[in-house]
Amino acid sequence: MRIEAARAWSIWEGIDFETVFDSASIERFADPTFAQAFARIECHYFMNNCFFPTDNYLIENLAKIRHLRGVIVQGRYDVVCPMTSAWDLHRAWPEAELHITPDAGHSIMEPGNLSALVEATDKFR
């Protein structure tokens, strides 16, 4: 039963991760060893409120990082972290650049997200 639940969780996450279905990626998420580790880590993360003391901790403590340059990269089709989160952060931190990747979901490996993150990183060099 634990393996079935872990596989279901992991496959669901794998499908939601990217905008283009990749059967090889889904196979990796379905692998029992990977699925159990992935589900356990994510479950621990979520059960501990992502290790933040409050649900809105980043925005509540923005004054601590406001002086830093920032870039927020958000995939237009990200169903894992909805765009409202990026928009709320940008409204609270208007000095940060907001980049909406029009053809990407949640994954850093999607070309649009990867390109935006590399470009942002290069700016900080």
PDB file of N, CA and C in Angstrom:
ATOM      1  N   MET A   1       0.809  -1.197   0.000  1.00  0.00           N
ATOM      2  CA  MET A   1       0.000   0.000   0.000  1.00  0.00           C
ATOM      3  C   MET A   1       0.859   1.270   0.000  1.00  0.00           C
ATOM      4  N   ARG A   2       1.949   1.293   0.780  1.00  0.00           N
ATOM      5  CA  ARG A   2       2.810   2.465   0.843  1.00  0.00           C
ATOM      6  C   ARG A   2       3.426   2.760  -0.516  1.00  0.00           C
ATOM      7  N   ILE A   3       3.875   1.713  -1.212  1.00  0.00           N
ATOM      8  CA  ILE A   3       4.481   1.914  -2.536  1.00  0.00           C
ATOM      9  C   ILE A   3       3.446   2.449  -3.521  1.00  0.00           C
ATOM     10  N   GLU A   4       2.228   1.917  -3.470  1.00  0.00           N
ATOM     11  CA  GLU A   4       1.171   2.396  -4.367  1.00  0.00           C
ATOM     12  C   GLU A   4       0.882   3.876  -4.118  1.00  0.00           C
ATOM     13  N   ALA A   5       0.790   4.267  -2.862  1.00  0.00           N
ATOM     14  CA  ALA A   5       0.526   5.669  -2.527  1.00  0.00           C
ATOM     15  C   ALA A   5       1.689   6.554  -2.963  1.00  0.00           C
ATOM     16  N   ALA A   6       2.909   6.097  -2.724  1.00  0.00           N
ATOM     17  CA  ALA A   6       4.089   6.871  -3.126  1.00  0.00           C
ATOM     18  C   ALA A   6       4.150   7.026  -4.640  1.00  0.00           C
ATOM     19  N   ARG A   7       3.861   5.945  -5.366  1.00  0.00           N
ATOM     20  CA  ARG A   7       3.869   6.017  -6.840  1.00  0.00           C
ATOM     21  C   ARG A   7       2.793   6.979  -7.336  1.00  0.00           C
ATOM     22  N   ALA A   8       1.597   6.911  -6.755  1.00  0.00           N
ATOM     23  CA  ALA A   8       0.509   7.801  -7.171  1.00  0.00           C
ATOM     24  C   ALA A   8       0.906   9.259  -6.948  1.00  0.00           C
ATOM     25  N   TRP A   9       1.461   9.550  -5.786  1.00  0.00           N
ATOM     26  CA  TRP A   9       1.900  10.910  -5.454  1.00  0.00           C
ATOM     27  C   TRP A   9       2.982  11.357  -6.443  1.00  0.00           C
ATOM     28  N   SER A  10       3.977  10.534  -6.605  1.00  0.00           N
ATOM     29  CA  SER A  10       5.122  10.873  -7.436  1.00  0.00           C
ATOM     30  C   SER A  10       4.720  11.069  -8.902  1.00  0.00           C
ATOM     31  N   ILE A  11       3.906  10.177  -9.430  1.00  0.00           N
ATOM     32  CA  ILE A  11       3.458  10.305 -10.820  1.00  0.00           C
ATOM     33  C   ILE A  11       2.639  11.576 -10.996  1.00  0.00           C
ATOM     34  N   TRP A  12       1.738  11.855 -10.041  1.00  0.00           N
ATOM     35  CA  TRP A  12       0.942  13.078 -10.115  1.00  0.00           C
ATOM     36  C   TRP A  12       1.850  14.303 -10.156  1.00  0.00           C
ATOM     37  N   GLU A  13       2.855  14.341  -9.296  1.00  0.00           N
ATOM     38  CA  GLU A  13       3.809  15.449  -9.294  1.00  0.00           C
ATOM     39  C   GLU A  13       4.578  15.511 -10.615  1.00  0.00           C
ATOM     40  N   GLY A  14       4.990  14.353 -11.110  1.00  0.00           N
ATOM     41  CA  GLY A  14       5.738  14.318 -12.370  1.00  0.00           C
ATOM     42  C   GLY A  14       4.938  14.835 -13.548  1.00  0.00           C
ATOM     43  N   ILE A  15       3.642  14.540 -13.554  1.00  0.00           N
ATOM     44  CA  ILE A  15       2.778  15.012 -14.631  1.00  0.00           C
ATOM     45  C   ILE A  15       2.566  16.521 -14.522  1.00  0.00           C
ATOM     46  N   ASP A  16       2.441  17.030 -13.311  1.00  0.00           N
ATOM     47  CA  ASP A  16       2.206  18.459 -13.104  1.00  0.00           C
ATOM     48  C   ASP A  16       3.463  19.310 -13.258  1.00  0.00           C
ATOM     49  N   PHE A  17       4.599  18.689 -13.258  1.00  0.00           N
ATOM     50  CA  PHE A  17       5.876  19.379 -13.242  1.00  0.00           C
ATOM     51  C   PHE A  17       6.178  20.132 -14.528  1.00  0.00           C
ATOM     52  N   GLU A  18       5.829  19.548 -15.663  1.00  0.00           N
ATOM     53  CA  GLU A  18       6.178  20.136 -16.952  1.00  0.00           C
ATOM     54  C   GLU A  18       4.946  20.271 -17.830  1.00  0.00           C
ATOM     55  N   THR A  19       5.032  21.150 -18.820  1.00  0.00           N
ATOM     56  CA  THR A  19       3.896  21.375 -19.709  1.00  0.00           C
ATOM     57  C   THR A  19       3.820  20.343 -20.829  1.00  0.00           C
ATOM     58  N   VAL A  20       4.921  19.702 -21.139  1.00  0.00           N
ATOM     59  CA  VAL A  20       4.956  18.700 -22.208  1.00  0.00           C
ATOM     60  C   VAL A  20       5.115  17.326 -21.576  1.00  0.00           C
ATOM     61  N   PHE A  21       4.192  16.431 -21.889  1.00  0.00           N
ATOM     62  CA  PHE A  21       4.232  15.078 -21.338  1.00  0.00           C
ATOM     63  C   PHE A  21       5.469  14.345 -21.847  1.00  0.00           C
ATOM     64  N   ASP A  22       6.233  13.801 -20.931  1.00  0.00           N
ATOM     65  CA  ASP A  22       7.445  13.064 -21.265  1.00  0.00           C
ATOM     66  C   ASP A  22       7.346  11.684 -20.605  1.00  0.00           C
ATOM     67  N   SER A  23       7.120  10.653 -21.419  1.00  0.00           N
ATOM     68  CA  SER A  23       6.917   9.314 -20.853  1.00  0.00           C
ATOM     69  C   SER A  23       8.145   8.822 -20.096  1.00  0.00           C
ATOM     70  N   ALA A  24       9.348   9.191 -20.527  1.00  0.00           N
ATOM     71  CA  ALA A  24      10.560   8.770 -19.815  1.00  0.00           C
ATOM     72  C   ALA A  24      10.604   9.399 -18.416  1.00  0.00           C
ATOM     73  N   SER A  25      10.179  10.649 -18.323  1.00  0.00           N
ATOM     74  CA  SER A  25      10.160  11.328 -17.031  1.00  0.00           C
ATOM     75  C   SER A  25       9.138  10.671 -16.107  1.00  0.00           C
ATOM     76  N   ILE A  26       7.974  10.336 -16.640  1.00  0.00           N
ATOM     77  CA  ILE A  26       6.937   9.696 -15.842  1.00  0.00           C
ATOM     78  C   ILE A  26       7.411   8.324 -15.367  1.00  0.00           C
ATOM     79  N   GLU A  27       8.122   7.615 -16.213  1.00  0.00           N
ATOM     80  CA  GLU A  27       8.670   6.311 -15.806  1.00  0.00           C
ATOM     81  C   GLU A  27       9.616   6.470 -14.621  1.00  0.00           C
ATOM     82  N   ARG A  28      10.418   7.534 -14.644  1.00  0.00           N
ATOM     83  CA  ARG A  28      11.342   7.781 -13.540  1.00  0.00           C
ATOM     84  C   ARG A  28      10.553   8.060 -12.266  1.00  0.00           C
ATOM     85  N   PHE A  29       9.503   8.891 -12.348  1.00  0.00           N
ATOM     86  CA  PHE A  29       8.680   9.204 -11.180  1.00  0.00           C
ATOM     87  C   PHE A  29       7.928   7.970 -10.681  1.00  0.00           C
ATOM     88  N   ALA A  30       7.633   7.026 -11.579  1.00  0.00           N
ATOM     89  CA  ALA A  30       6.887   5.815 -11.216  1.00  0.00           C
ATOM     90  C   ALA A  30       7.773   4.735 -10.606  1.00  0.00           C
ATOM     91  N   ASP A  31       9.075   4.840 -10.780  1.00  0.00           N
ATOM     92  CA  ASP A  31       9.987   3.848 -10.222  1.00  0.00           C
ATOM     93  C   ASP A  31       9.774   3.774  -8.707  1.00  0.00           C
ATOM     94  N   PRO A  32       9.525   2.577  -8.155  1.00  0.00           N
ATOM     95  CA  PRO A  32       9.205   2.455  -6.727  1.00  0.00           C
ATOM     96  C   PRO A  32      10.254   3.068  -5.793  1.00  0.00           C
ATOM     97  N   THR A  33      11.528   2.895  -6.092  1.00  0.00           N
ATOM     98  CA  THR A  33      12.572   3.449  -5.229  1.00  0.00           C
ATOM     99  C   THR A  33      12.553   4.962  -5.265  1.00  0.00           C
ATOM    100  N   PHE A  34      12.482   5.530  -6.481  1.00  0.00           N
ATOM    101  CA  PHE A  34      12.414   6.986  -6.627  1.00  0.00           C
ATOM    102  C   PHE A  34      11.142   7.524  -5.976  1.00  0.00           C
ATOM    103  N   ALA A  35      10.011   6.879  -6.293  1.00  0.00           N
ATOM    104  CA  ALA A  35       8.710   7.355  -5.808  1.00  0.00           C
ATOM    105  C   ALA A  35       8.655   7.410  -4.289  1.00  0.00           C
ATOM    106  N   GLN A  36       9.160   6.390  -3.623  1.00  0.00           N
ATOM    107  CA  GLN A  36       9.125   6.377  -2.156  1.00  0.00           C
ATOM    108  C   GLN A  36       9.978   7.502  -1.577  1.00  0.00           C
ATOM    109  N   ALA A  37      11.169   7.699  -2.129  1.00  0.00           N
ATOM    110  CA  ALA A  37      12.043   8.765  -1.632  1.00  0.00           C
ATOM    111  C   ALA A  37      11.426  10.135  -1.910  1.00  0.00           C
ATOM    112  N   PHE A  38      10.941  10.318  -3.121  1.00  0.00           N
ATOM    113  CA  PHE A  38      10.351  11.602  -3.518  1.00  0.00           C
ATOM    114  C   PHE A  38       9.130  11.930  -2.670  1.00  0.00           C
ATOM    115  N   ALA A  39       8.222  10.975  -2.524  1.00  0.00           N
ATOM    116  CA  ALA A  39       7.001  11.200  -1.746  1.00  0.00           C
ATOM    117  C   ALA A  39       7.335  11.468  -0.276  1.00  0.00           C
ATOM    118  N   ARG A  40       8.296  10.748   0.258  1.00  0.00           N
ATOM    119  CA  ARG A  40       8.677  10.943   1.661  1.00  0.00           C
ATOM    120  C   ARG A  40       9.252  12.345   1.880  1.00  0.00           C
ATOM    121  N   ILE A  41      10.134  12.782   0.980  1.00  0.00           N
ATOM    122  CA  ILE A  41      10.730  14.117   1.108  1.00  0.00           C
ATOM    123  C   ILE A  41       9.655  15.193   0.992  1.00  0.00           C
ATOM    124  N   GLU A  42       8.797  15.085  -0.032  1.00  0.00           N
ATOM    125  CA  GLU A  42       7.753  16.093  -0.215  1.00  0.00           C
ATOM    126  C   GLU A  42       6.768  16.098   0.955  1.00  0.00           C
ATOM    127  N   CYS A  43       6.389  14.945   1.408  1.00  0.00           N
ATOM    128  CA  CYS A  43       5.457  14.861   2.527  1.00  0.00           C
ATOM    129  C   CYS A  43       6.066  15.523   3.766  1.00  0.00           C
ATOM    130  N   HIS A  44       7.320  15.240   4.035  1.00  0.00           N
ATOM    131  CA  HIS A  44       8.002  15.842   5.173  1.00  0.00           C
ATOM    132  C   HIS A  44       8.041  17.364   5.018  1.00  0.00           C
ATOM    133  N   TYR A  45       8.357  17.826   3.827  1.00  0.00           N
ATOM    134  CA  TYR A  45       8.420  19.253   3.522  1.00  0.00           C
ATOM    135  C   TYR A  45       7.071  19.920   3.788  1.00  0.00           C
ATOM    136  N   PHE A  46       5.994  19.341   3.243  1.00  0.00           N
ATOM    137  CA  PHE A  46       4.670  19.946   3.393  1.00  0.00           C
ATOM    138  C   PHE A  46       4.129  19.826   4.812  1.00  0.00           C
ATOM    139  N   MET A  47       4.378  18.721   5.469  1.00  0.00           N
ATOM    140  CA  MET A  47       3.897  18.551   6.842  1.00  0.00           C
ATOM    141  C   MET A  47       4.592  19.512   7.807  1.00  0.00           C
ATOM    142  N   ASN A  48       5.735  20.024   7.408  1.00  0.00           N
ATOM    143  CA  ASN A  48       6.468  20.988   8.228  1.00  0.00           C
ATOM    144  C   ASN A  48       6.337  22.405   7.674  1.00  0.00           C
ATOM    145  N   ASN A  49       5.233  22.657   6.966  1.00  0.00           N
ATOM    146  CA  ASN A  49       4.912  23.987   6.438  1.00  0.00           C
ATOM    147  C   ASN A  49       6.067  24.578   5.634  1.00  0.00           C
ATOM    148  N   CYS A  50       6.726  23.717   4.882  1.00  0.00           N
ATOM    149  CA  CYS A  50       7.859  24.130   4.035  1.00  0.00           C
ATOM    150  C   CYS A  50       8.973  24.765   4.870  1.00  0.00           C
ATOM    151  N   PHE A  51       8.997  24.440   6.159  1.00  0.00           N
ATOM    152  CA  PHE A  51       9.993  24.910   7.117  1.00  0.00           C
ATOM    153  C   PHE A  51       9.916  26.413   7.378  1.00  0.00           C
ATOM    154  N   PHE A  52       8.736  26.995   7.103  1.00  0.00           N
ATOM    155  CA  PHE A  52       8.475  28.393   7.443  1.00  0.00           C
ATOM    156  C   PHE A  52       7.586  28.427   8.672  1.00  0.00           C
ATOM    157  N   PRO A  53       7.810  29.371   9.580  1.00  0.00           N
ATOM    158  CA  PRO A  53       6.982  29.434  10.779  1.00  0.00           C
ATOM    159  C   PRO A  53       5.541  29.882  10.507  1.00  0.00           C
ATOM    160  N   THR A  54       5.314  30.614   9.399  1.00  0.00           N
ATOM    161  CA  THR A  54       3.963  31.043   9.034  1.00  0.00           C
ATOM    162  C   THR A  54       3.761  30.816   7.536  1.00  0.00           C
ATOM    163  N   ASP A  55       2.505  30.803   7.114  1.00  0.00           N
ATOM    164  CA  ASP A  55       2.203  30.579   5.698  1.00  0.00           C
ATOM    165  C   ASP A  55       2.704  31.700   4.798  1.00  0.00           C
ATOM    166  N   ASN A  56       2.814  32.896   5.320  1.00  0.00           N
ATOM    167  CA  ASN A  56       3.186  34.059   4.517  1.00  0.00           C
ATOM    168  C   ASN A  56       4.541  34.628   4.947  1.00  0.00           C
ATOM    169  N   TYR A  57       5.414  33.756   5.409  1.00  0.00           N
ATOM    170  CA  TYR A  57       6.668  34.169   6.035  1.00  0.00           C
ATOM    171  C   TYR A  57       7.546  35.038   5.129  1.00  0.00           C
ATOM    172  N   LEU A  58       7.687  34.665   3.880  1.00  0.00           N
ATOM    173  CA  LEU A  58       8.565  35.421   2.981  1.00  0.00           C
ATOM    174  C   LEU A  58       8.071  36.863   2.831  1.00  0.00           C
ATOM    175  N   ILE A  59       6.799  37.023   2.562  1.00  0.00           N
ATOM    176  CA  ILE A  59       6.264  38.377   2.396  1.00  0.00           C
ATOM    177  C   ILE A  59       6.286  39.130   3.721  1.00  0.00           C
ATOM    178  N   GLU A  60       6.004  38.462   4.825  1.00  0.00           N
ATOM    179  CA  GLU A  60       6.029  39.105   6.141  1.00  0.00           C
ATOM    180  C   GLU A  60       7.428  39.605   6.509  1.00  0.00           C
ATOM    181  N   ASN A  61       8.451  38.958   5.964  1.00  0.00           N
ATOM    182  CA  ASN A  61       9.838  39.305   6.314  1.00  0.00           C
ATOM    183  C   ASN A  61      10.615  39.894   5.146  1.00  0.00           C
ATOM    184  N   LEU A  62       9.901  40.428   4.193  1.00  0.00           N
ATOM    185  CA  LEU A  62      10.534  40.971   2.994  1.00  0.00           C
ATOM    186  C   LEU A  62      11.514  42.104   3.293  1.00  0.00           C
ATOM    187  N   ALA A  63      11.288  42.824   4.351  1.00  0.00           N
ATOM    188  CA  ALA A  63      12.183  43.933   4.708  1.00  0.00           C
ATOM    189  C   ALA A  63      13.629  43.458   4.862  1.00  0.00           C
ATOM    190  N   LYS A  64      13.801  42.190   5.226  1.00  0.00           N
ATOM    191  CA  LYS A  64      15.154  41.656   5.417  1.00  0.00           C
ATOM    192  C   LYS A  64      15.911  41.468   4.107  1.00  0.00           C
ATOM    193  N   ILE A  65      15.186  41.343   2.995  1.00  0.00           N
ATOM    194  CA  ILE A  65      15.869  41.119   1.707  1.00  0.00           C
ATOM    195  C   ILE A  65      15.565  42.211   0.682  1.00  0.00           C
ATOM    196  N   ARG A  66      14.716  43.158   1.040  1.00  0.00           N
ATOM    197  CA  ARG A  66      14.301  44.188   0.087  1.00  0.00           C
ATOM    198  C   ARG A  66      15.485  44.910  -0.549  1.00  0.00           C
ATOM    199  N   HIS A  67      16.570  45.057   0.162  1.00  0.00           N
ATOM    200  CA  HIS A  67      17.741  45.771  -0.360  1.00  0.00           C
ATOM    201  C   HIS A  67      18.491  44.958  -1.431  1.00  0.00           C
ATOM    202  N   LEU A  68      18.164  43.680  -1.556  1.00  0.00           N
ATOM    203  CA  LEU A  68      18.832  42.822  -2.541  1.00  0.00           C
ATOM    204  C   LEU A  68      18.141  42.916  -3.890  1.00  0.00           C
ATOM    205  N   ARG A  69      18.917  42.766  -4.948  1.00  0.00           N
ATOM    206  CA  ARG A  69      18.321  42.666  -6.277  1.00  0.00           C
ATOM    207  C   ARG A  69      17.632  41.317  -6.368  1.00  0.00           C
ATOM    208  N   GLY A  70      16.518  41.282  -7.038  1.00  0.00           N
ATOM    209  CA  GLY A  70      15.795  40.023  -7.136  1.00  0.00           C
ATOM    210  C   GLY A  70      15.109  39.857  -8.472  1.00  0.00           C
ATOM    211  N   VAL A  71      14.979  38.620  -8.880  1.00  0.00           N
ATOM    212  CA  VAL A  71      14.232  38.257 -10.082  1.00  0.00           C
ATOM    213  C   VAL A  71      13.310  37.097  -9.705  1.00  0.00           C
ATOM    214  N   ILE A  72      12.052  37.250 -10.026  1.00  0.00           N
ATOM    215  CA  ILE A  72      11.055  36.215  -9.778  1.00  0.00           C
ATOM    216  C   ILE A  72      10.727  35.596 -11.125  1.00  0.00           C
ATOM    217  N   VAL A  73      10.972  34.305 -11.282  1.00  0.00           N
ATOM    218  CA  VAL A  73      10.677  33.596 -12.529  1.00  0.00           C
ATOM    219  C   VAL A  73       9.501  32.673 -12.262  1.00  0.00           C
ATOM    220  N   GLN A  74       8.455  32.824 -13.053  1.00  0.00           N
ATOM    221  CA  GLN A  74       7.232  32.058 -12.861  1.00  0.00           C
ATOM    222  C   GLN A  74       6.756  31.492 -14.191  1.00  0.00           C
ATOM    223  N   GLY A  75       6.584  30.187 -14.252  1.00  0.00           N
ATOM    224  CA  GLY A  75       6.027  29.562 -15.442  1.00  0.00           C
ATOM    225  C   GLY A  75       4.535  29.847 -15.546  1.00  0.00           C
ATOM    226  N   ARG A  76       4.086  30.275 -16.700  1.00  0.00           N
ATOM    227  CA  ARG A  76       2.675  30.633 -16.924  1.00  0.00           C
ATOM    228  C   ARG A  76       1.740  29.474 -16.590  1.00  0.00           C
ATOM    229  N   TYR A  77       2.174  28.252 -16.871  1.00  0.00           N
ATOM    230  CA  TYR A  77       1.318  27.088 -16.667  1.00  0.00           C
ATOM    231  C   TYR A  77       1.721  26.260 -15.450  1.00  0.00           C
ATOM    232  N   ASP A  78       2.349  26.904 -14.483  1.00  0.00           N
ATOM    233  CA  ASP A  78       2.770  26.216 -13.255  1.00  0.00           C
ATOM    234  C   ASP A  78       1.542  25.944 -12.395  1.00  0.00           C
ATOM    235  N   VAL A  79       1.185  24.667 -12.245  1.00  0.00           N
ATOM    236  CA  VAL A  79       0.062  24.310 -11.379  1.00  0.00           C
ATOM    237  C   VAL A  79       0.545  23.876  -9.998  1.00  0.00           C
ATOM    238  N   VAL A  80       1.850  23.724  -9.829  1.00  0.00           N
ATOM    239  CA  VAL A  80       2.419  23.368  -8.530  1.00  0.00           C
ATOM    240  C   VAL A  80       2.477  24.616  -7.643  1.00  0.00           C
ATOM    241  N   CYS A  81       3.012  25.695  -8.184  1.00  0.00           N
ATOM    242  CA  CYS A  81       3.060  26.986  -7.496  1.00  0.00           C
ATOM    243  C   CYS A  81       2.294  27.979  -8.367  1.00  0.00           C
ATOM    244  N   PRO A  82       1.032  28.210  -8.089  1.00  0.00           N
ATOM    245  CA  PRO A  82       0.215  29.072  -8.942  1.00  0.00           C
ATOM    246  C   PRO A  82       0.778  30.483  -9.080  1.00  0.00           C
ATOM    247  N   MET A  83       0.460  31.109 -10.194  1.00  0.00           N
ATOM    248  CA  MET A  83       0.999  32.427 -10.495  1.00  0.00           C
ATOM    249  C   MET A  83       0.641  33.470  -9.444  1.00  0.00           C
ATOM    250  N   THR A  84      -0.439  33.267  -8.737  1.00  0.00           N
ATOM    251  CA  THR A  84      -0.820  34.235  -7.710  1.00  0.00           C
ATOM    252  C   THR A  84       0.286  34.395  -6.658  1.00  0.00           C
ATOM    253  N   SER A  85       1.038  33.340  -6.404  1.00  0.00           N
ATOM    254  CA  SER A  85       2.139  33.435  -5.427  1.00  0.00           C
ATOM    255  C   SER A  85       3.224  34.382  -5.919  1.00  0.00           C
ATOM    256  N   ALA A  86       3.604  34.242  -7.178  1.00  0.00           N
ATOM    257  CA  ALA A  86       4.623  35.131  -7.754  1.00  0.00           C
ATOM    258  C   ALA A  86       4.109  36.562  -7.815  1.00  0.00           C
ATOM    259  N   TRP A  87       2.838  36.719  -8.180  1.00  0.00           N
ATOM    260  CA  TRP A  87       2.248  38.058  -8.276  1.00  0.00           C
ATOM    261  C   TRP A  87       2.188  38.718  -6.890  1.00  0.00           C
ATOM    262  N   ASP A  88       1.770  37.968  -5.869  1.00  0.00           N
ATOM    263  CA  ASP A  88       1.721  38.512  -4.508  1.00  0.00           C
ATOM    264  C   ASP A  88       3.111  38.927  -4.038  1.00  0.00           C
ATOM    265  N   LEU A  89       4.109  38.103  -4.331  1.00  0.00           N
ATOM    266  CA  LEU A  89       5.487  38.436  -3.955  1.00  0.00           C
ATOM    267  C   LEU A  89       5.953  39.688  -4.682  1.00  0.00           C
ATOM    268  N   HIS A  90       5.668  39.777  -5.963  1.00  0.00           N
ATOM    269  CA  HIS A  90       6.092  40.952  -6.738  1.00  0.00           C
ATOM    270  C   HIS A  90       5.380  42.225  -6.255  1.00  0.00           C
ATOM    271  N   ARG A  91       4.105  42.128  -5.910  1.00  0.00           N
ATOM    272  CA  ARG A  91       3.384  43.300  -5.391  1.00  0.00           C
ATOM    273  C   ARG A  91       4.007  43.770  -4.078  1.00  0.00           C
ATOM    274  N   ALA A  92       4.446  42.822  -3.267  1.00  0.00           N
ATOM    275  CA  ALA A  92       5.078  43.181  -1.991  1.00  0.00           C
ATOM    276  C   ALA A  92       6.519  43.644  -2.194  1.00  0.00           C
ATOM    277  N   TRP A  93       7.139  43.227  -3.290  1.00  0.00           N
ATOM    278  CA  TRP A  93       8.548  43.525  -3.582  1.00  0.00           C
ATOM    279  C   TRP A  93       8.650  44.045  -5.019  1.00  0.00           C
ATOM    280  N   PRO A  94       8.102  45.226  -5.287  1.00  0.00           N
ATOM    281  CA  PRO A  94       8.064  45.728  -6.663  1.00  0.00           C
ATOM    282  C   PRO A  94       9.450  46.001  -7.246  1.00  0.00           C
ATOM    283  N   GLU A  95      10.459  46.112  -6.388  1.00  0.00           N
ATOM    284  CA  GLU A  95      11.824  46.320  -6.892  1.00  0.00           C
ATOM    285  C   GLU A  95      12.352  45.078  -7.607  1.00  0.00           C
ATOM    286  N   ALA A  96      11.790  43.927  -7.300  1.00  0.00           N
ATOM    287  CA  ALA A  96      12.220  42.683  -7.958  1.00  0.00           C
ATOM    288  C   ALA A  96      11.609  42.616  -9.347  1.00  0.00           C
ATOM    289  N   GLU A  97      12.380  42.133 -10.270  1.00  0.00           N
ATOM    290  CA  GLU A  97      11.900  41.950 -11.643  1.00  0.00           C
ATOM    291  C   GLU A  97      11.036  40.689 -11.685  1.00  0.00           C
ATOM    292  N   LEU A  98       9.883  40.767 -12.312  1.00  0.00           N
ATOM    293  CA  LEU A  98       9.000  39.610 -12.462  1.00  0.00           C
ATOM    294  C   LEU A  98       9.051  39.142 -13.907  1.00  0.00           C
ATOM    295  N   HIS A  99       9.409  37.884 -14.083  1.00  0.00           N
ATOM    296  CA  HIS A  99       9.469  37.297 -15.431  1.00  0.00           C
ATOM    297  C   HIS A  99       8.484  36.141 -15.490  1.00  0.00           C
ATOM    298  N   ILE A 100       7.471  36.268 -16.351  1.00  0.00           N
ATOM    299  CA  ILE A 100       6.506  35.193 -16.565  1.00  0.00           C
ATOM    300  C   ILE A 100       6.934  34.450 -17.825  1.00  0.00           C
ATOM    301  N   THR A 101       7.253  33.183 -17.679  1.00  0.00           N
ATOM    302  CA  THR A 101       7.653  32.364 -18.822  1.00  0.00           C
ATOM    303  C   THR A 101       6.374  31.861 -19.498  1.00  0.00           C
ATOM    304  N   PRO A 102       6.113  32.309 -20.743  1.00  0.00           N
ATOM    305  CA  PRO A 102       4.818  32.018 -21.367  1.00  0.00           C
ATOM    306  C   PRO A 102       4.583  30.559 -21.745  1.00  0.00           C
ATOM    307  N   ASP A 103       5.650  29.789 -21.864  1.00  0.00           N
ATOM    308  CA  ASP A 103       5.501  28.416 -22.355  1.00  0.00           C
ATOM    309  C   ASP A 103       6.033  27.377 -21.381  1.00  0.00           C
ATOM    310  N   ALA A 104       5.942  27.672 -20.076  1.00  0.00           N
ATOM    311  CA  ALA A 104       6.528  26.749 -19.105  1.00  0.00           C
ATOM    312  C   ALA A 104       5.593  26.534 -17.924  1.00  0.00           C
ATOM    313  N   GLY A 105       5.860  25.432 -17.230  1.00  0.00           N
ATOM    314  CA  GLY A 105       5.165  25.112 -16.000  1.00  0.00           C
ATOM    315  C   GLY A 105       6.097  25.332 -14.822  1.00  0.00           C
ATOM    316  N   HIS A 106       6.237  24.315 -13.983  1.00  0.00           N
ATOM    317  CA  HIS A 106       6.989  24.421 -12.737  1.00  0.00           C
ATOM    318  C   HIS A 106       8.479  24.082 -12.890  1.00  0.00           C
ATOM    319  N   SER A 107       8.808  23.236 -13.832  1.00  0.00           N
ATOM    320  CA  SER A 107      10.161  22.677 -13.902  1.00  0.00           C
ATOM    321  C   SER A 107      11.222  23.684 -14.342  1.00  0.00           C
ATOM    322  N   ILE A 108      12.327  23.634 -13.634  1.00  0.00           N
ATOM    323  CA  ILE A 108      13.503  24.428 -14.008  1.00  0.00           C
ATOM    324  C   ILE A 108      14.080  23.952 -15.346  1.00  0.00           C
ATOM    325  N   MET A 109      13.772  22.714 -15.712  1.00  0.00           N
ATOM    326  CA  MET A 109      14.353  22.145 -16.935  1.00  0.00           C
ATOM    327  C   MET A 109      13.567  22.510 -18.191  1.00  0.00           C
ATOM    328  N   GLU A 110      12.425  23.144 -18.058  1.00  0.00           N
ATOM    329  CA  GLU A 110      11.722  23.583 -19.254  1.00  0.00           C
ATOM    330  C   GLU A 110      12.521  24.735 -19.867  1.00  0.00           C
ATOM    331  N   PRO A 111      12.678  24.734 -21.176  1.00  0.00           N
ATOM    332  CA  PRO A 111      13.566  25.708 -21.828  1.00  0.00           C
ATOM    333  C   PRO A 111      13.315  27.162 -21.438  1.00  0.00           C
ATOM    334  N   GLY A 112      12.067  27.597 -21.370  1.00  0.00           N
ATOM    335  CA  GLY A 112      11.782  28.994 -21.030  1.00  0.00           C
ATOM    336  C   GLY A 112      12.202  29.354 -19.622  1.00  0.00           C
ATOM    337  N   ASN A 113      11.909  28.487 -18.659  1.00  0.00           N
ATOM    338  CA  ASN A 113      12.310  28.741 -17.272  1.00  0.00           C
ATOM    339  C   ASN A 113      13.825  28.711 -17.137  1.00  0.00           C
ATOM    340  N   LEU A 114      14.442  27.711 -17.740  1.00  0.00           N
ATOM    341  CA  LEU A 114      15.898  27.585 -17.650  1.00  0.00           C
ATOM    342  C   LEU A 114      16.578  28.818 -18.231  1.00  0.00           C
ATOM    343  N   SER A 115      16.115  29.253 -19.389  1.00  0.00           N
ATOM    344  CA  SER A 115      16.688  30.430 -20.038  1.00  0.00           C
ATOM    345  C   SER A 115      16.529  31.678 -19.164  1.00  0.00           C
ATOM    346  N   ALA A 116      15.332  31.867 -18.589  1.00  0.00           N
ATOM    347  CA  ALA A 116      15.087  33.035 -17.740  1.00  0.00           C
ATOM    348  C   ALA A 116      15.950  32.999 -16.484  1.00  0.00           C
ATOM    349  N   LEU A 117      16.130  31.823 -15.905  1.00  0.00           N
ATOM    350  CA  LEU A 117      16.946  31.707 -14.694  1.00  0.00           C
ATOM    351  C   LEU A 117      18.427  31.930 -14.985  1.00  0.00           C
ATOM    352  N   VAL A 118      18.901  31.409 -16.107  1.00  0.00           N
ATOM    353  CA  VAL A 118      20.304  31.633 -16.485  1.00  0.00           C
ATOM    354  C   VAL A 118      20.539  33.112 -16.785  1.00  0.00           C
ATOM    355  N   GLU A 119      19.597  33.729 -17.506  1.00  0.00           N
ATOM    356  CA  GLU A 119      19.713  35.157 -17.813  1.00  0.00           C
ATOM    357  C   GLU A 119      19.743  35.985 -16.527  1.00  0.00           C
ATOM    358  N   ALA A 120      18.867  35.664 -15.579  1.00  0.00           N
ATOM    359  CA  ALA A 120      18.831  36.386 -14.311  1.00  0.00           C
ATOM    360  C   ALA A 120      20.148  36.195 -13.540  1.00  0.00           C
ATOM    361  N   THR A 121      20.628  34.968 -13.519  1.00  0.00           N
ATOM    362  CA  THR A 121      21.883  34.672 -12.829  1.00  0.00           C
ATOM    363  C   THR A 121      23.044  35.427 -13.458  1.00  0.00           C
ATOM    364  N   ASP A 122      23.076  35.468 -14.780  1.00  0.00           N
ATOM    365  CA  ASP A 122      24.139  36.195 -15.485  1.00  0.00           C
ATOM    366  C   ASP A 122      24.124  37.679 -15.137  1.00  0.00           C
ATOM    367  N   LYS A 123      22.940  38.258 -14.931  1.00  0.00           N
ATOM    368  CA  LYS A 123      22.843  39.667 -14.552  1.00  0.00           C
ATOM    369  C   LYS A 123      23.500  39.937 -13.206  1.00  0.00           C
ATOM    370  N   PHE A 124      23.484  38.952 -12.318  1.00  0.00           N
ATOM    371  CA  PHE A 124      24.044  39.127 -10.984  1.00  0.00           C
ATOM    372  C   PHE A 124      25.557  38.921 -10.944  1.00  0.00           C
ATOM    373  N   ARG A 125      26.123  38.456 -12.038  1.00  0.00           N
ATOM    374  CA  ARG A 125      27.559  38.206 -12.076  1.00  0.00           C
ATOM    375  C   ARG A 125      28.358  39.453 -11.872  1.00  0.00           C
TER     376      ARG A 125
END
